[in-house]
Amino acid sequence: MEKAEVIPEVVLSSGHRMPLIGLGTAGNPLPSNLTSILVDAIENGYRHFDTAAIYGSEGFVGEAVAQALEQGLIKSRGDVFVTSKLWCTDADPDLVLPALKKTLQLVSGARSKSNCEELQQGKDERKSPYLRLGTYPRRIG
């Protein structure tokens, strides 16, 4: 399979260029070889993946990114964009931050909590390609 020569991109406010074409990871049931499929996609030029906690595929994406790093297919996690979504059951203010932290740990391919925390601690958060977690105001009333 030949790699695409030109993939349309959008320039984010951070200055990073994100591919507009991404690979969706929803499925019911998920294929048992999803990690391998995603590693093959990275090898063939995909750099943007769409997932969500409800899909159950965030960990597969993270594992594929970790394997792609080990195989030298990408140089850093910053070479890959992952779009995920906060599911409506986690939209309560007390549930948002824990849900986002779990997503970050899964999609980062972090095999330990310290690796996940390291990704959250960018030296210049305005230019970091990684998700930054903050605090959210509580509802009034």
C-alpha atoms as a PDB file:
ATOM      1  CA  MET A   1       0.000   0.000   0.000  1.00  0.00           C
ATOM      2  CA  GLU A   2       1.397   3.380  -1.004  1.00  0.00           C
ATOM      3  CA  LYS A   3       1.418   6.255   1.492  1.00  0.00           C
ATOM      4  CA  ALA A   4      -0.621   9.346   0.674  1.00  0.00           C
ATOM      5  CA  GLU A   5       1.508  12.197  -0.615  1.00  0.00           C
ATOM      6  CA  VAL A   6      -0.706  15.075   0.553  1.00  0.00           C
ATOM      7  CA  ILE A   7      -3.115  14.916   3.454  1.00  0.00           C
ATOM      8  CA  PRO A   8      -5.159  18.079   4.083  1.00  0.00           C
ATOM      9  CA  GLU A   9      -4.326  19.759   7.390  1.00  0.00           C
ATOM     10  CA  VAL A  10      -5.648  22.487   9.627  1.00  0.00           C
ATOM     11  CA  VAL A  11      -3.357  24.808  11.584  1.00  0.00           C
ATOM     12  CA  LEU A  12      -4.366  24.885  15.241  1.00  0.00           C
ATOM     13  CA  SER A  13      -4.041  27.980  17.431  1.00  0.00           C
ATOM     14  CA  SER A  14      -0.946  26.317  18.968  1.00  0.00           C
ATOM     15  CA  GLY A  15       0.695  26.335  15.535  1.00  0.00           C
ATOM     16  CA  HIS A  16       0.551  22.548  15.212  1.00  0.00           C
ATOM     17  CA  ARG A  17      -0.713  21.159  11.918  1.00  0.00           C
ATOM     18  CA  MET A  18      -3.392  18.501  12.410  1.00  0.00           C
ATOM     19  CA  PRO A  19      -4.439  16.143   9.612  1.00  0.00           C
ATOM     20  CA  LEU A  20      -8.096  16.558   8.661  1.00  0.00           C
ATOM     21  CA  ILE A  21      -8.370  12.899   7.732  1.00  0.00           C
ATOM     22  CA  GLY A  22      -8.433  10.579  10.703  1.00  0.00           C
ATOM     23  CA  LEU A  23      -9.190   6.948  11.364  1.00  0.00           C
ATOM     24  CA  GLY A  24     -12.276   6.204  13.450  1.00  0.00           C
ATOM     25  CA  THR A  25     -11.979   3.503  16.087  1.00  0.00           C
ATOM     26  CA  ALA A  26     -15.629   2.788  16.972  1.00  0.00           C
ATOM     27  CA  GLY A  27     -16.931  -0.695  16.382  1.00  0.00           C
ATOM     28  CA  ASN A  28     -19.237  -3.238  17.902  1.00  0.00           C
ATOM     29  CA  PRO A  29     -17.590  -5.511  18.572  1.00  0.00           C
ATOM     30  CA  LEU A  30     -14.084  -4.108  18.382  1.00  0.00           C
ATOM     31  CA  PRO A  31     -11.730  -6.315  16.374  1.00  0.00           C
ATOM     32  CA  SER A  32      -9.431  -8.374  18.584  1.00  0.00           C
ATOM     33  CA  ASN A  33      -6.458  -7.169  16.514  1.00  0.00           C
ATOM     34  CA  LEU A  34      -7.335  -3.445  16.751  1.00  0.00           C
ATOM     35  CA  THR A  35      -3.889  -2.479  18.089  1.00  0.00           C
ATOM     36  CA  SER A  36      -2.240  -4.172  15.104  1.00  0.00           C
ATOM     37  CA  ILE A  37      -4.666  -2.448  12.720  1.00  0.00           C
ATOM     38  CA  LEU A  38      -3.808   0.935  14.236  1.00  0.00           C
ATOM     39  CA  VAL A  39      -0.051   0.291  14.085  1.00  0.00           C
ATOM     40  CA  ASP A  40      -0.489  -0.608  10.393  1.00  0.00           C
ATOM     41  CA  ALA A  41      -2.408   2.650   9.916  1.00  0.00           C
ATOM     42  CA  ILE A  42       0.455   4.630  11.479  1.00  0.00           C
ATOM     43  CA  GLU A  43       2.920   2.784   9.256  1.00  0.00           C
ATOM     44  CA  ASN A  44       0.810   3.799   6.255  1.00  0.00           C
ATOM     45  CA  GLY A  45       0.726   7.476   7.180  1.00  0.00           C
ATOM     46  CA  TYR A  46      -2.280   7.996   9.444  1.00  0.00           C
ATOM     47  CA  ARG A  47      -1.514  10.566  12.134  1.00  0.00           C
ATOM     48  CA  HIS A  48      -5.016  11.326  13.439  1.00  0.00           C
ATOM     49  CA  PHE A  49      -7.265   8.895  15.298  1.00  0.00           C
ATOM     50  CA  ASP A  50     -10.791   9.377  16.615  1.00  0.00           C
ATOM     51  CA  THR A  51     -11.874   7.573  19.766  1.00  0.00           C
ATOM     52  CA  ALA A  52     -14.091   7.956  22.843  1.00  0.00           C
ATOM     53  CA  ALA A  53     -14.390   6.311  26.234  1.00  0.00           C
ATOM     54  CA  ILE A  54     -17.741   4.854  25.186  1.00  0.00           C
ATOM     55  CA  TYR A  55     -16.099   3.138  22.177  1.00  0.00           C
ATOM     56  CA  GLY A  56     -13.741   1.199  24.450  1.00  0.00           C
ATOM     57  CA  SER A  57     -10.892   1.845  22.024  1.00  0.00           C
ATOM     58  CA  GLU A  58      -8.825   4.514  23.819  1.00  0.00           C
ATOM     59  CA  GLY A  59      -6.418   1.948  25.284  1.00  0.00           C
ATOM     60  CA  PHE A  60      -5.924   0.320  21.877  1.00  0.00           C
ATOM     61  CA  VAL A  61      -5.008   3.709  20.396  1.00  0.00           C
ATOM     62  CA  GLY A  62      -2.546   4.344  23.217  1.00  0.00           C
ATOM     63  CA  GLU A  63      -0.974   0.908  22.860  1.00  0.00           C
ATOM     64  CA  ALA A  64      -0.668   1.372  19.089  1.00  0.00           C
ATOM     65  CA  VAL A  65       1.087   4.708  19.604  1.00  0.00           C
ATOM     66  CA  ALA A  66       3.461   3.087  22.127  1.00  0.00           C
ATOM     67  CA  GLN A  67       4.242   0.254  19.692  1.00  0.00           C
ATOM     68  CA  ALA A  68       4.745   2.707  16.821  1.00  0.00           C
ATOM     69  CA  LEU A  69       7.273   4.572  18.976  1.00  0.00           C
ATOM     70  CA  GLU A  70       9.093   1.341  19.837  1.00  0.00           C
ATOM     71  CA  GLN A  71       9.185   0.359  16.149  1.00  0.00           C
ATOM     72  CA  GLY A  72      10.464   3.782  15.085  1.00  0.00           C
ATOM     73  CA  LEU A  73       7.389   4.522  12.963  1.00  0.00           C
ATOM     74  CA  ILE A  74       6.991   7.877  14.732  1.00  0.00           C
ATOM     75  CA  LYS A  75       9.529   9.964  16.635  1.00  0.00           C
ATOM     76  CA  SER A  76       7.287  11.135  19.484  1.00  0.00           C
ATOM     77  CA  ARG A  77       3.719  11.039  20.753  1.00  0.00           C
ATOM     78  CA  GLY A  78       3.430  14.575  19.420  1.00  0.00           C
ATOM     79  CA  ASP A  79       3.493  13.156  15.878  1.00  0.00           C
ATOM     80  CA  VAL A  80       0.010  11.675  16.380  1.00  0.00           C
ATOM     81  CA  PHE A  81      -3.277  13.469  17.065  1.00  0.00           C
ATOM     82  CA  VAL A  82      -6.004  11.726  19.023  1.00  0.00           C
ATOM     83  CA  THR A  83      -9.523  13.102  19.137  1.00  0.00           C
ATOM     84  CA  SER A  84     -11.596  11.788  22.010  1.00  0.00           C
ATOM     85  CA  LYS A  85     -14.874  12.769  23.570  1.00  0.00           C
ATOM     86  CA  LEU A  86     -16.225  13.215  27.066  1.00  0.00           C
ATOM     87  CA  TRP A  87     -19.326  11.041  27.270  1.00  0.00           C
ATOM     88  CA  CYS A  88     -22.529  12.591  28.638  1.00  0.00           C
ATOM     89  CA  THR A  89     -22.486  10.316  31.702  1.00  0.00           C
ATOM     90  CA  ASP A  90     -19.220  12.003  32.751  1.00  0.00           C
ATOM     91  CA  ALA A  91     -20.436  15.582  32.225  1.00  0.00           C
ATOM     92  CA  ASP A  92     -21.179  16.225  35.901  1.00  0.00           C
ATOM     93  CA  PRO A  93     -18.563  18.708  37.211  1.00  0.00           C
ATOM     94  CA  ASP A  94     -17.250  16.160  39.739  1.00  0.00           C
ATOM     95  CA  LEU A  95     -16.724  13.540  37.022  1.00  0.00           C
ATOM     96  CA  VAL A  96     -15.140  15.606  34.228  1.00  0.00           C
ATOM     97  CA  LEU A  97     -11.565  15.776  35.499  1.00  0.00           C
ATOM     98  CA  PRO A  98     -11.303  12.087  36.482  1.00  0.00           C
ATOM     99  CA  ALA A  99     -12.765  11.046  33.113  1.00  0.00           C
ATOM    100  CA  LEU A 100     -10.330  13.266  31.202  1.00  0.00           C
ATOM    101  CA  LYS A 101      -7.381  11.982  33.218  1.00  0.00           C
ATOM    102  CA  LYS A 102      -8.392   8.402  32.456  1.00  0.00           C
ATOM    103  CA  THR A 103      -8.680   9.215  28.745  1.00  0.00           C
ATOM    104  CA  LEU A 104      -5.279  10.896  28.781  1.00  0.00           C
ATOM    105  CA  GLN A 105      -3.671   7.904  30.449  1.00  0.00           C
ATOM    106  CA  LEU A 106      -5.233   5.461  27.995  1.00  0.00           C
ATOM    107  CA  VAL A 107      -4.554   7.356  24.768  1.00  0.00           C
ATOM    108  CA  SER A 108      -1.054   8.392  25.757  1.00  0.00           C
ATOM    109  CA  GLY A 109       0.036   4.788  25.836  1.00  0.00           C
ATOM    110  CA  ALA A 110       1.292   5.542  29.326  1.00  0.00           C
ATOM    111  CA  ARG A 111       2.143   2.231  30.923  1.00  0.00           C
ATOM    112  CA  SER A 112       2.464   3.837  34.324  1.00  0.00           C
ATOM    113  CA  LYS A 113       0.840   6.697  36.181  1.00  0.00           C
ATOM    114  CA  SER A 114       4.141   8.619  36.268  1.00  0.00           C
ATOM    115  CA  ASN A 115       4.393   8.525  32.445  1.00  0.00           C
ATOM    116  CA  CYS A 116       0.874   9.930  32.212  1.00  0.00           C
ATOM    117  CA  GLU A 117       1.659  12.713  34.679  1.00  0.00           C
ATOM    118  CA  GLU A 118       4.811  13.543  32.724  1.00  0.00           C
ATOM    119  CA  LEU A 119       2.711  14.137  29.599  1.00  0.00           C
ATOM    120  CA  GLN A 120       0.539  16.584  31.522  1.00  0.00           C
ATOM    121  CA  GLN A 121       3.532  18.641  32.666  1.00  0.00           C
ATOM    122  CA  GLY A 122       4.593  20.409  29.472  1.00  0.00           C
ATOM    123  CA  LYS A 123       7.314  23.041  29.865  1.00  0.00           C
ATOM    124  CA  ASP A 124       5.325  25.477  27.743  1.00  0.00           C
ATOM    125  CA  GLU A 125       1.698  24.445  27.960  1.00  0.00           C
ATOM    126  CA  ARG A 126       0.664  26.852  25.188  1.00  0.00           C
ATOM    127  CA  LYS A 127       2.804  24.914  22.707  1.00  0.00           C
ATOM    128  CA  SER A 128       2.347  21.420  24.131  1.00  0.00           C
ATOM    129  CA  PRO A 129       0.677  18.971  21.737  1.00  0.00           C
ATOM    130  CA  TYR A 130      -0.648  17.070  24.730  1.00  0.00           C
ATOM    131  CA  LEU A 131      -3.957  17.586  26.428  1.00  0.00           C
ATOM    132  CA  ARG A 132      -3.700  19.937  29.377  1.00  0.00           C
ATOM    133  CA  LEU A 133      -6.109  19.250  32.201  1.00  0.00           C
ATOM    134  CA  GLY A 134      -7.394  22.159  34.225  1.00  0.00           C
ATOM    135  CA  THR A 135     -10.053  22.880  36.769  1.00  0.00           C
ATOM    136  CA  TYR A 136     -13.619  23.603  35.863  1.00  0.00           C
ATOM    137  CA  PRO A 137     -15.967  26.007  37.645  1.00  0.00           C
ATOM    138  CA  ARG A 138     -18.733  24.458  39.678  1.00  0.00           C
ATOM    139  CA  ARG A 139     -22.314  25.082  38.697  1.00  0.00           C
ATOM    140  CA  ILE A 140     -24.024  27.799  40.652  1.00  0.00           C
ATOM    141  CA  GLY A 141     -27.394  26.922  42.159  1.00  0.00           C
END
